[in-house]
N, C-alpha and C. Protein backbone atom coordinates (compact mmCIF):
# COMPACT_ATOMS: atom_id res chain seq x y z
N MET A 1 -28.15 5.68 -10.79
CA MET A 1 -27.17 4.75 -10.99
C MET A 1 -25.64 5.00 -11.64
N LYS A 2 -25.05 4.92 -10.78
CA LYS A 2 -23.38 5.68 -11.77
C LYS A 2 -23.15 4.60 -12.96
N ALA A 3 -23.23 5.63 -13.95
CA ALA A 3 -22.35 5.16 -14.87
C ALA A 3 -20.82 4.38 -14.88
N LEU A 4 -21.02 3.21 -15.43
CA LEU A 4 -19.78 2.09 -15.46
C LEU A 4 -18.55 3.01 -16.75
N ASN A 5 -17.37 2.69 -16.28
CA ASN A 5 -16.57 3.30 -17.16
C ASN A 5 -15.90 2.21 -17.67
N SER A 6 -14.99 1.87 -18.65
CA SER A 6 -14.50 0.83 -19.70
C SER A 6 -13.86 -0.17 -18.75
N LEU A 7 -12.90 0.40 -17.77
CA LEU A 7 -12.24 -0.21 -16.46
C LEU A 7 -13.32 -1.01 -15.75
N ALA A 8 -13.87 -0.06 -15.45
CA ALA A 8 -15.67 -1.05 -14.36
C ALA A 8 -16.03 -2.19 -15.46
N MET A 9 -16.29 -1.84 -16.50
CA MET A 9 -17.17 -2.53 -17.69
C MET A 9 -16.14 -3.95 -17.56
N TRP A 10 -15.04 -3.83 -17.74
CA TRP A 10 -13.72 -4.91 -17.72
C TRP A 10 -13.95 -5.81 -16.42
N GLU A 11 -13.99 -5.21 -15.33
CA GLU A 11 -13.87 -6.03 -13.87
C GLU A 11 -15.35 -6.67 -14.09
N SER A 12 -16.43 -6.27 -14.49
CA SER A 12 -17.38 -6.70 -14.20
C SER A 12 -17.63 -8.24 -15.34
N ILE A 13 -17.01 -8.23 -16.66
CA ILE A 13 -16.99 -8.77 -17.48
C ILE A 13 -16.52 -10.21 -16.92
N LYS A 14 -15.11 -9.99 -16.46
CA LYS A 14 -14.30 -10.38 -15.92
C LYS A 14 -14.85 -11.94 -14.83
N LYS A 15 -15.70 -10.91 -14.08
CA LYS A 15 -16.36 -12.14 -13.19
C LYS A 15 -17.12 -13.13 -13.83
N THR A 16 -17.93 -12.64 -14.92
CA THR A 16 -18.88 -13.34 -15.37
C THR A 16 -18.45 -14.36 -16.68
N VAL A 17 -17.16 -13.79 -17.37
CA VAL A 17 -16.68 -14.35 -18.79
C VAL A 17 -15.59 -15.33 -17.93
N GLY A 18 -14.89 -14.90 -16.82
CA GLY A 18 -13.74 -16.10 -16.52
C GLY A 18 -12.48 -15.53 -17.03
N THR A 19 -12.19 -14.26 -17.08
CA THR A 19 -11.16 -13.84 -17.95
C THR A 19 -9.73 -13.96 -17.01
N ASP A 20 -9.79 -14.25 -15.95
CA ASP A 20 -8.67 -13.87 -15.23
C ASP A 20 -7.34 -14.12 -15.66
N SER A 21 -6.86 -14.90 -17.02
CA SER A 21 -5.73 -14.91 -18.04
C SER A 21 -5.07 -13.93 -18.57
N TRP A 22 -6.09 -12.68 -18.24
CA TRP A 22 -5.88 -11.43 -19.14
C TRP A 22 -4.89 -10.43 -18.59
N GLU A 23 -4.23 -9.94 -19.38
CA GLU A 23 -3.11 -8.87 -19.09
C GLU A 23 -3.42 -7.65 -19.75
N SER A 24 -3.26 -6.38 -18.99
CA SER A 24 -3.20 -4.78 -19.54
C SER A 24 -2.27 -5.02 -20.61
N TYR A 25 -2.98 -4.42 -21.91
CA TYR A 25 -2.50 -4.24 -23.04
C TYR A 25 -2.57 -2.81 -23.54
N PHE A 26 -1.20 -2.37 -23.70
CA PHE A 26 -1.13 -0.79 -24.39
C PHE A 26 -1.82 0.44 -23.19
N ASN A 27 -2.54 -0.13 -22.52
CA ASN A 27 -3.16 0.93 -21.39
C ASN A 27 -2.27 2.05 -20.44
N ARG A 28 -2.89 3.13 -20.03
CA ARG A 28 -1.90 3.87 -19.22
C ARG A 28 -1.90 3.28 -18.00
N HIS A 29 -1.04 3.90 -17.63
CA HIS A 29 -0.57 3.07 -15.99
C HIS A 29 -0.26 4.48 -15.33
N GLY A 30 -1.05 4.85 -13.91
CA GLY A 30 -0.07 5.97 -13.01
C GLY A 30 1.22 5.81 -12.45
N ALA A 31 1.56 6.28 -11.70
CA ALA A 31 3.03 6.52 -11.14
C ALA A 31 3.16 5.16 -10.37
N ASP A 32 1.95 4.78 -9.57
CA ASP A 32 2.05 4.00 -8.74
C ASP A 32 1.72 2.12 -9.40
N GLY A 33 1.44 2.54 -10.87
CA GLY A 33 1.46 1.13 -11.51
C GLY A 33 -0.07 0.82 -11.77
N THR A 34 -0.97 1.66 -11.16
CA THR A 34 -2.65 1.44 -11.12
C THR A 34 -2.92 2.16 -12.37
N LEU A 35 -3.74 1.16 -12.98
CA LEU A 35 -4.27 1.68 -14.42
C LEU A 35 -4.85 2.37 -14.36
N LEU A 36 -5.00 2.90 -15.47
CA LEU A 36 -5.93 4.19 -15.92
C LEU A 36 -6.92 4.39 -16.73
N ASP A 37 -8.08 4.69 -16.53
CA ASP A 37 -8.91 4.56 -18.02
C ASP A 37 -8.90 6.15 -18.15
N THR A 38 -8.45 7.13 -18.54
CA THR A 38 -8.48 8.31 -18.96
C THR A 38 -9.00 8.73 -20.23
N ASP A 39 -8.86 7.85 -21.20
CA ASP A 39 -9.85 7.82 -22.25
C ASP A 39 -11.33 7.08 -22.48
N ASP A 40 -11.46 6.68 -21.35
CA ASP A 40 -12.05 5.52 -21.40
C ASP A 40 -12.31 4.61 -22.48
N ASN A 41 -11.15 3.96 -22.34
CA ASN A 41 -11.12 2.46 -23.18
C ASN A 41 -10.18 2.05 -22.85
N VAL A 42 -10.12 0.76 -22.70
CA VAL A 42 -9.13 -0.18 -22.01
C VAL A 42 -8.61 -1.80 -23.11
N SER A 43 -7.30 -2.23 -22.76
CA SER A 43 -7.46 -3.46 -23.63
C SER A 43 -6.82 -4.26 -22.52
N PHE A 44 -6.83 -5.53 -23.00
CA PHE A 44 -6.46 -7.01 -22.45
C PHE A 44 -5.96 -7.76 -23.68
N ILE A 45 -5.09 -8.32 -23.30
CA ILE A 45 -4.29 -9.41 -23.95
C ILE A 45 -4.35 -10.85 -23.41
N ASN A 46 -4.59 -11.59 -23.67
CA ASN A 46 -4.35 -13.24 -23.17
C ASN A 46 -3.12 -13.56 -24.07
N PRO A 47 -2.17 -13.99 -23.59
CA PRO A 47 -0.97 -14.26 -23.96
C PRO A 47 -0.59 -15.72 -24.44
N THR A 48 -1.63 -16.82 -23.94
CA THR A 48 -1.94 -17.85 -24.31
C THR A 48 -2.17 -18.18 -25.55
N ASN A 49 -3.26 -17.20 -26.17
CA ASN A 49 -4.05 -17.40 -27.41
C ASN A 49 -3.45 -16.30 -28.39
N ASP A 50 -2.99 -15.33 -27.87
CA ASP A 50 -2.77 -14.43 -28.51
C ASP A 50 -3.93 -13.46 -29.32
N LYS A 51 -4.61 -13.14 -28.41
CA LYS A 51 -6.04 -12.55 -28.43
C LYS A 51 -6.21 -11.28 -27.63
N VAL A 52 -6.84 -10.38 -28.24
CA VAL A 52 -6.99 -8.53 -27.38
C VAL A 52 -8.32 -8.69 -27.46
N ILE A 53 -9.01 -8.27 -26.37
CA ILE A 53 -10.21 -6.96 -25.94
C ILE A 53 -9.89 -5.75 -26.08
N LYS A 54 -10.64 -5.17 -26.88
CA LYS A 54 -10.67 -3.22 -26.14
C LYS A 54 -11.80 -2.90 -25.93
N LEU A 55 -12.24 -2.22 -24.87
CA LEU A 55 -13.52 -1.86 -24.68
C LEU A 55 -13.42 -0.36 -24.99
N SER A 56 -14.41 0.30 -25.45
CA SER A 56 -14.24 2.03 -25.39
C SER A 56 -15.58 2.26 -25.66
N TYR A 57 -15.97 2.86 -24.38
CA TYR A 57 -17.30 3.52 -24.48
C TYR A 57 -16.94 4.75 -24.85
N ASP A 58 -18.40 5.04 -26.02
CA ASP A 58 -18.62 6.26 -26.82
C ASP A 58 -19.92 6.28 -26.39
N PRO A 59 -20.73 7.41 -26.04
CA PRO A 59 -21.94 7.87 -25.48
C PRO A 59 -22.73 8.46 -26.68
N ASN A 60 -22.09 8.52 -27.84
CA ASN A 60 -22.50 8.88 -29.56
C ASN A 60 -22.53 8.09 -29.98
N LYS A 61 -22.42 6.85 -30.05
CA LYS A 61 -22.49 5.90 -30.89
C LYS A 61 -24.01 5.99 -31.21
N ASN A 62 -24.41 5.58 -32.65
CA ASN A 62 -25.83 5.13 -32.76
C ASN A 62 -26.61 3.82 -32.10
N ASP A 63 -25.42 2.71 -32.37
CA ASP A 63 -26.00 1.46 -31.97
C ASP A 63 -25.99 0.89 -30.50
N LEU A 64 -25.94 0.43 -29.90
CA LEU A 64 -26.10 -0.33 -28.26
C LEU A 64 -24.56 -0.58 -28.21
N ILE A 65 -24.22 -1.62 -29.22
CA ILE A 65 -22.72 -2.00 -29.20
C ILE A 65 -22.08 -1.98 -30.82
N ASP A 66 -20.97 -1.99 -30.76
CA ASP A 66 -20.50 -1.99 -32.52
C ASP A 66 -19.12 -2.81 -32.34
N TYR A 67 -18.66 -3.64 -32.78
CA TYR A 67 -17.61 -4.56 -32.62
C TYR A 67 -17.11 -5.01 -34.03
N TRP A 68 -15.70 -5.58 -34.33
CA TRP A 68 -15.17 -6.02 -35.05
C TRP A 68 -14.02 -6.81 -34.99
N LEU A 69 -13.66 -7.26 -35.43
CA LEU A 69 -12.36 -8.06 -35.49
C LEU A 69 -11.12 -7.61 -36.57
N ASN A 70 -10.19 -7.49 -35.84
CA ASN A 70 -9.10 -7.05 -36.55
C ASN A 70 -7.45 -7.83 -36.23
N SER A 71 -6.71 -7.62 -37.09
CA SER A 71 -5.16 -8.32 -36.60
C SER A 71 -4.33 -6.80 -36.43
N PHE A 72 -3.32 -6.84 -35.50
CA PHE A 72 -2.25 -6.03 -35.08
C PHE A 72 -1.08 -7.07 -34.69
N GLY A 73 -0.15 -6.34 -35.60
CA GLY A 73 1.16 -6.77 -35.57
C GLY A 73 1.72 -7.13 -37.07
N ASP A 74 2.97 -7.98 -37.23
CA ASP A 74 3.45 -8.64 -38.55
C ASP A 74 3.50 -10.07 -37.90
N GLU A 75 3.95 -10.72 -39.34
CA GLU A 75 4.14 -12.26 -39.44
C GLU A 75 5.32 -12.49 -38.66
N GLU A 76 6.34 -11.46 -38.87
CA GLU A 76 7.98 -11.93 -38.37
C GLU A 76 7.54 -11.81 -36.72
N SER A 77 6.71 -10.95 -36.02
CA SER A 77 7.19 -10.66 -34.84
C SER A 77 5.90 -11.46 -34.21
N GLY A 78 4.75 -11.47 -35.15
CA GLY A 78 3.62 -12.34 -34.20
C GLY A 78 2.44 -11.17 -34.11
N SER A 79 1.35 -11.83 -34.44
CA SER A 79 0.35 -10.81 -34.61
C SER A 79 -0.61 -11.44 -33.59
N VAL A 80 -1.64 -10.17 -33.25
CA VAL A 80 -2.72 -10.70 -32.45
C VAL A 80 -3.87 -10.58 -32.78
N GLU A 81 -5.21 -11.40 -32.64
CA GLU A 81 -6.30 -10.84 -32.79
C GLU A 81 -7.24 -10.06 -32.00
N VAL A 82 -7.83 -9.23 -32.38
CA VAL A 82 -8.48 -7.99 -31.67
C VAL A 82 -9.92 -8.06 -32.41
N LEU A 83 -10.41 -8.13 -30.57
CA LEU A 83 -11.83 -7.86 -30.75
C LEU A 83 -12.05 -6.31 -30.09
N ASN A 84 -12.42 -5.44 -31.16
CA ASN A 84 -12.94 -4.17 -30.52
C ASN A 84 -14.16 -3.87 -30.69
N ILE A 85 -14.71 -3.81 -29.18
CA ILE A 85 -15.95 -3.25 -28.81
C ILE A 85 -16.22 -2.10 -28.22
N TYR A 86 -17.24 -1.14 -28.81
CA TYR A 86 -17.54 0.08 -28.83
C TYR A 86 -19.10 -0.12 -27.94
N TYR A 87 -19.00 0.61 -26.99
CA TYR A 87 -20.46 0.55 -26.58
C TYR A 87 -20.95 2.20 -26.06
N ARG A 88 -22.45 1.87 -25.92
CA ARG A 88 -22.93 3.34 -25.43
C ARG A 88 -23.42 3.28 -24.28
N HIS A 89 -24.48 2.19 -23.73
CA HIS A 89 -24.80 2.20 -22.60
C HIS A 89 -24.56 1.32 -21.85
N GLN A 90 -23.68 1.69 -20.79
CA GLN A 90 -23.03 0.39 -20.07
C GLN A 90 -23.72 -0.77 -19.80
N HIS A 91 -25.08 -0.56 -18.47
CA HIS A 91 -25.70 -1.38 -18.24
C HIS A 91 -26.21 -2.50 -19.29
N GLU A 92 -26.76 -1.69 -20.17
CA GLU A 92 -27.91 -2.53 -21.21
C GLU A 92 -26.67 -3.13 -22.11
N SER A 93 -25.68 -2.94 -22.43
CA SER A 93 -24.29 -3.74 -23.12
C SER A 93 -23.60 -4.48 -22.49
N LEU A 94 -24.11 -4.64 -21.21
CA LEU A 94 -23.12 -5.84 -20.53
C LEU A 94 -23.37 -7.16 -20.82
N PRO A 95 -24.54 -7.56 -20.96
CA PRO A 95 -25.15 -9.02 -21.09
C PRO A 95 -24.76 -9.22 -22.25
N LEU A 96 -24.91 -8.10 -23.41
CA LEU A 96 -24.63 -8.12 -24.93
C LEU A 96 -22.89 -8.47 -25.22
N ILE A 97 -22.58 -7.80 -24.70
CA ILE A 97 -20.68 -8.17 -24.57
C ILE A 97 -20.35 -9.12 -24.10
N GLU A 98 -20.41 -9.78 -22.82
CA GLU A 98 -20.45 -10.70 -22.26
C GLU A 98 -20.58 -12.07 -23.12
N HIS A 99 -21.79 -11.98 -23.57
CA HIS A 99 -22.32 -13.18 -24.70
C HIS A 99 -21.10 -13.20 -26.48
N LEU A 100 -20.72 -11.81 -26.51
CA LEU A 100 -20.13 -11.67 -27.57
C LEU A 100 -18.67 -12.51 -27.46
N ILE A 101 -18.09 -11.81 -26.15
CA ILE A 101 -16.75 -12.33 -25.90
C ILE A 101 -16.71 -13.66 -25.66
N THR A 102 -17.70 -14.33 -25.12
CA THR A 102 -17.92 -15.66 -24.50
C THR A 102 -17.78 -16.75 -25.78
N ASP A 103 -18.60 -16.36 -26.88
CA ASP A 103 -18.85 -16.88 -28.39
C ASP A 103 -17.43 -16.59 -28.87
N TRP A 104 -16.72 -15.31 -29.08
CA TRP A 104 -15.49 -15.28 -29.40
C TRP A 104 -14.27 -15.96 -29.06
N LEU A 105 -14.38 -16.49 -27.62
CA LEU A 105 -13.24 -17.06 -27.48
C LEU A 105 -13.69 -18.57 -27.54
N ASN A 106 -14.79 -19.35 -27.67
CA ASN A 106 -15.23 -20.46 -27.70
C ASN A 106 -14.71 -20.85 -28.98
N GLU A 107 -14.59 -19.93 -29.96
CA GLU A 107 -14.25 -20.28 -31.56
C GLU A 107 -13.04 -21.02 -31.84
N GLY A 108 -12.31 -21.00 -30.84
CA GLY A 108 -11.04 -21.45 -31.00
C GLY A 108 -9.68 -20.57 -30.70
């Protein structure tokens, strides 16, 4: 089975969690505007609630997934809440990540 990269993982998450209102955030794009996944990490922002999801694939992680929250920005220009997720096995991690994101979004 072909391993998913972070962009493919995001596409799978969008189908299940319903993350249609998310936009590319600090990602690399090709000359034609196509989103690139060169470092095997991607991030997306929901501008209506100032939340960011950053997905990173790291096969050297000890845990199946590792995650934490932090803020990015300052009070004057506004800050966003970032859910950072590192995962080791794409297919095994997907249901855990979907559940994590759903719970985080439902917190308010």
